[in-house]
């Protein structure tokens, strides 16, 4: 059985395309155009289910038309509309960290180069022009920028986000 710890979100099924089960999808990365991805994983009523890819046709840099084995009609494809697409984490080394959906980092520990352990990401605030991680440390909760300028590295296996935050930012919490 596949667990959420083994996959990461890479896109979403937007709508059906035609009557043969093809689906229009958007992606947070260009990995489908650059790599040979054999299967995707969908969350079907809380259970992660793998679907082998029958065909993929890119449409722009981060969208395309996807056909999955076993999905052969518009009706079957429509039931998957709106579902997030996941792929196995072993593809992460081929994806730029800036292209990963920020919600993937929920649950990660944040470690700053100067301050050490900062806390754990428990939400993402995307209501402002610059996305922010909502980090909790004990009873305290504060916001840190989710920009690539501050992210030093990511340890996907351990679930740690290494950052270099501006001096004094943590003291504002």
Protein backbone atom coordinates (compact mmCIF):
# COMPACT_ATOMS: atom_id res chain seq x y z
CA UNK A 1 0.00 0.00 0.00
CA UNK A 2 1.30 3.47 -0.90
CA UNK A 3 1.51 6.10 1.86
CA UNK A 4 1.59 9.90 1.64
CA UNK A 5 5.20 9.78 2.89
CA UNK A 6 6.19 8.03 -0.36
CA UNK A 7 4.70 10.57 -2.80
CA UNK A 8 4.55 14.31 -3.41
CA UNK A 9 1.97 16.46 -5.24
CA UNK A 10 2.95 17.44 -8.77
CA UNK A 11 -0.28 18.69 -10.30
CA UNK A 12 -4.02 18.41 -10.64
CA UNK A 13 -6.55 16.99 -13.07
CA UNK A 14 -8.51 19.98 -14.35
CA UNK A 15 -11.20 18.54 -16.61
CA UNK A 16 -11.98 15.92 -19.21
CA UNK A 17 -10.80 16.31 -22.79
CA UNK A 18 -12.81 14.47 -25.40
CA UNK A 19 -14.84 11.31 -24.90
CA UNK A 20 -12.11 8.62 -24.65
CA UNK A 21 -10.97 9.36 -21.08
CA UNK A 22 -8.26 11.93 -21.80
CA UNK A 23 -7.85 14.59 -19.09
CA UNK A 24 -6.41 18.12 -19.10
CA UNK A 25 -3.93 18.54 -16.24
CA UNK A 26 -1.84 21.33 -14.76
CA UNK A 27 1.55 20.70 -13.18
CA UNK A 28 3.83 22.51 -10.76
CA UNK A 29 6.87 21.16 -12.62
CA UNK A 30 7.96 20.32 -16.15
CA UNK A 31 8.96 16.81 -15.07
CA UNK A 32 6.35 15.11 -17.28
CA UNK A 33 7.91 16.71 -20.36
CA UNK A 34 11.47 15.96 -19.24
CA UNK A 35 11.31 12.51 -17.62
CA UNK A 36 9.69 9.18 -18.35
CA UNK A 37 7.08 8.91 -15.58
CA UNK A 38 5.43 5.47 -15.63
CA UNK A 39 2.58 6.11 -13.23
CA UNK A 40 0.81 8.71 -11.13
CA UNK A 41 -0.95 8.27 -7.81
CA UNK A 42 -4.41 9.64 -7.00
CA UNK A 43 -6.15 9.98 -3.64
CA UNK A 44 -9.37 8.02 -4.07
CA UNK A 45 -11.48 8.37 -0.91
CA UNK A 46 -8.39 8.47 1.31
CA UNK A 47 -6.57 5.59 -0.39
CA UNK A 48 -3.61 6.30 -2.67
CA UNK A 49 -4.14 4.42 -5.93
CA UNK A 50 -1.50 4.13 -8.68
CA UNK A 51 -2.55 4.57 -12.32
CA UNK A 52 -0.21 3.72 -15.17
CA UNK A 53 0.06 6.40 -17.83
CA UNK A 54 -1.21 5.36 -21.28
CA UNK A 55 -0.19 8.59 -22.95
CA UNK A 56 0.84 12.15 -22.23
CA UNK A 57 0.80 15.12 -24.60
CA UNK A 58 2.36 18.36 -23.34
CA UNK A 59 0.33 21.54 -23.82
CA UNK A 60 2.59 24.41 -22.81
CA UNK A 61 5.29 24.24 -20.17
CA UNK A 62 3.22 23.11 -17.20
CA UNK A 63 0.09 21.53 -18.60
CA UNK A 64 -0.82 18.59 -20.75
CA UNK A 65 -3.30 15.93 -21.74
CA UNK A 66 -3.06 12.70 -19.79
CA UNK A 67 -4.58 9.28 -20.40
CA UNK A 68 -4.49 6.67 -17.65
CA UNK A 69 -4.87 2.92 -18.06
CA UNK A 70 -8.35 1.80 -17.06
CA UNK A 71 -9.92 5.22 -17.67
CA UNK A 72 -11.60 4.81 -21.04
CA UNK A 73 -14.55 7.18 -21.09
CA UNK A 74 -15.47 10.76 -20.40
CA UNK A 75 -17.65 9.59 -17.50
CA UNK A 76 -14.75 7.76 -15.81
CA UNK A 77 -12.41 10.72 -16.40
CA UNK A 78 -14.95 13.21 -15.02
CA UNK A 79 -14.93 11.34 -11.68
CA UNK A 80 -11.21 12.19 -11.39
CA UNK A 81 -11.58 15.91 -12.21
CA UNK A 82 -10.14 18.10 -9.46
CA UNK A 83 -7.99 15.31 -8.00
CA UNK A 84 -4.37 16.04 -7.14
CA UNK A 85 -1.70 14.13 -9.02
CA UNK A 86 1.14 12.62 -7.00
CA UNK A 87 4.33 10.90 -8.12
CA UNK A 88 6.84 8.86 -6.09
CA UNK A 89 9.42 10.80 -4.07
CA UNK A 90 12.30 9.13 -5.90
CA UNK A 91 11.59 11.64 -8.69
CA UNK A 92 12.26 14.58 -6.33
CA UNK A 93 15.93 14.82 -7.28
CA UNK A 94 14.79 15.68 -10.82
CA UNK A 95 12.44 18.47 -9.70
CA UNK A 96 13.61 21.96 -8.82
CA UNK A 97 12.60 22.74 -5.20
CA UNK A 98 10.96 25.95 -6.47
CA UNK A 99 8.54 23.84 -8.55
CA UNK A 100 7.24 21.76 -5.64
CA UNK A 101 3.78 22.69 -4.36
CA UNK A 102 4.33 24.50 -1.04
CA UNK A 103 1.72 22.38 0.75
CA UNK A 104 4.16 19.47 0.36
CA UNK A 105 6.30 21.07 3.09
CA UNK A 106 3.55 20.95 5.76
CA UNK A 107 4.92 18.81 8.55
CA UNK A 108 8.56 19.58 7.74
CA UNK A 109 10.88 20.78 10.48
CA UNK A 110 12.52 24.16 9.80
CA UNK A 111 16.19 24.61 10.69
CA UNK A 112 17.88 27.99 10.32
CA UNK A 113 21.62 28.31 9.67
CA UNK A 114 22.01 30.70 12.63
CA UNK A 115 19.15 29.95 15.04
CA UNK A 116 19.04 26.15 14.66
CA UNK A 117 15.65 24.45 15.02
CA UNK A 118 12.91 27.00 14.38
CA UNK A 119 9.79 24.81 14.50
CA UNK A 120 7.45 22.82 12.31
CA UNK A 121 5.51 24.01 9.25
CA UNK A 122 1.82 23.52 9.91
CA UNK A 123 0.29 25.60 7.10
CA UNK A 124 1.03 27.75 4.07
CA UNK A 125 -0.34 31.30 3.77
CA UNK A 126 -0.78 32.21 0.13
CA UNK A 127 -3.08 35.18 0.68
CA UNK A 128 -0.23 37.64 0.20
CA UNK A 129 1.87 38.25 -2.94
CA UNK A 130 4.75 36.37 -1.25
CA UNK A 131 3.85 32.94 0.12
CA UNK A 132 4.62 32.31 3.78
CA UNK A 133 5.13 29.19 5.87
CA UNK A 134 3.15 29.16 9.12
CA UNK A 135 5.62 27.70 11.62
CA UNK A 136 4.77 26.60 15.15
CA UNK A 137 7.24 26.15 17.97
CA UNK A 138 5.54 25.21 21.23
CA UNK A 139 2.82 27.79 21.87
CA UNK A 140 4.36 30.30 19.46
CA UNK A 141 3.35 30.56 15.83
CA UNK A 142 4.99 32.82 13.29
CA UNK A 143 5.37 33.37 9.56
CA UNK A 144 8.54 32.90 7.54
CA UNK A 145 9.02 33.60 3.83
CA UNK A 146 8.67 30.59 1.54
CA UNK A 147 10.87 32.17 -1.13
CA UNK A 148 13.72 30.32 -2.81
CA UNK A 149 16.10 33.05 -1.61
CA UNK A 150 15.74 31.76 1.96
CA UNK A 151 15.70 27.99 1.35
CA UNK A 152 19.23 26.59 1.54
CA UNK A 153 18.41 22.89 1.05
CA UNK A 154 15.71 20.28 1.57
CA UNK A 155 16.10 16.86 3.19
CA UNK A 156 13.10 15.02 1.80
CA UNK A 157 13.92 11.78 3.63
CA UNK A 158 14.11 13.38 7.10
CA UNK A 159 11.47 16.06 6.40
CA UNK A 160 13.75 19.01 7.16
CA UNK A 161 13.79 22.38 5.41
CA UNK A 162 17.12 24.17 5.89
CA UNK A 163 16.80 27.94 5.63
CA UNK A 164 18.84 31.11 6.05
CA UNK A 165 16.38 33.61 7.47
CA UNK A 166 16.98 37.35 7.70
CA UNK A 167 18.57 38.34 11.00
CA UNK A 168 16.00 39.20 13.66
CA UNK A 169 13.01 37.63 11.85
CA UNK A 170 12.55 34.90 14.43
CA UNK A 171 12.76 37.46 17.25
CA UNK A 172 9.62 39.15 15.86
CA UNK A 173 7.47 36.15 16.77
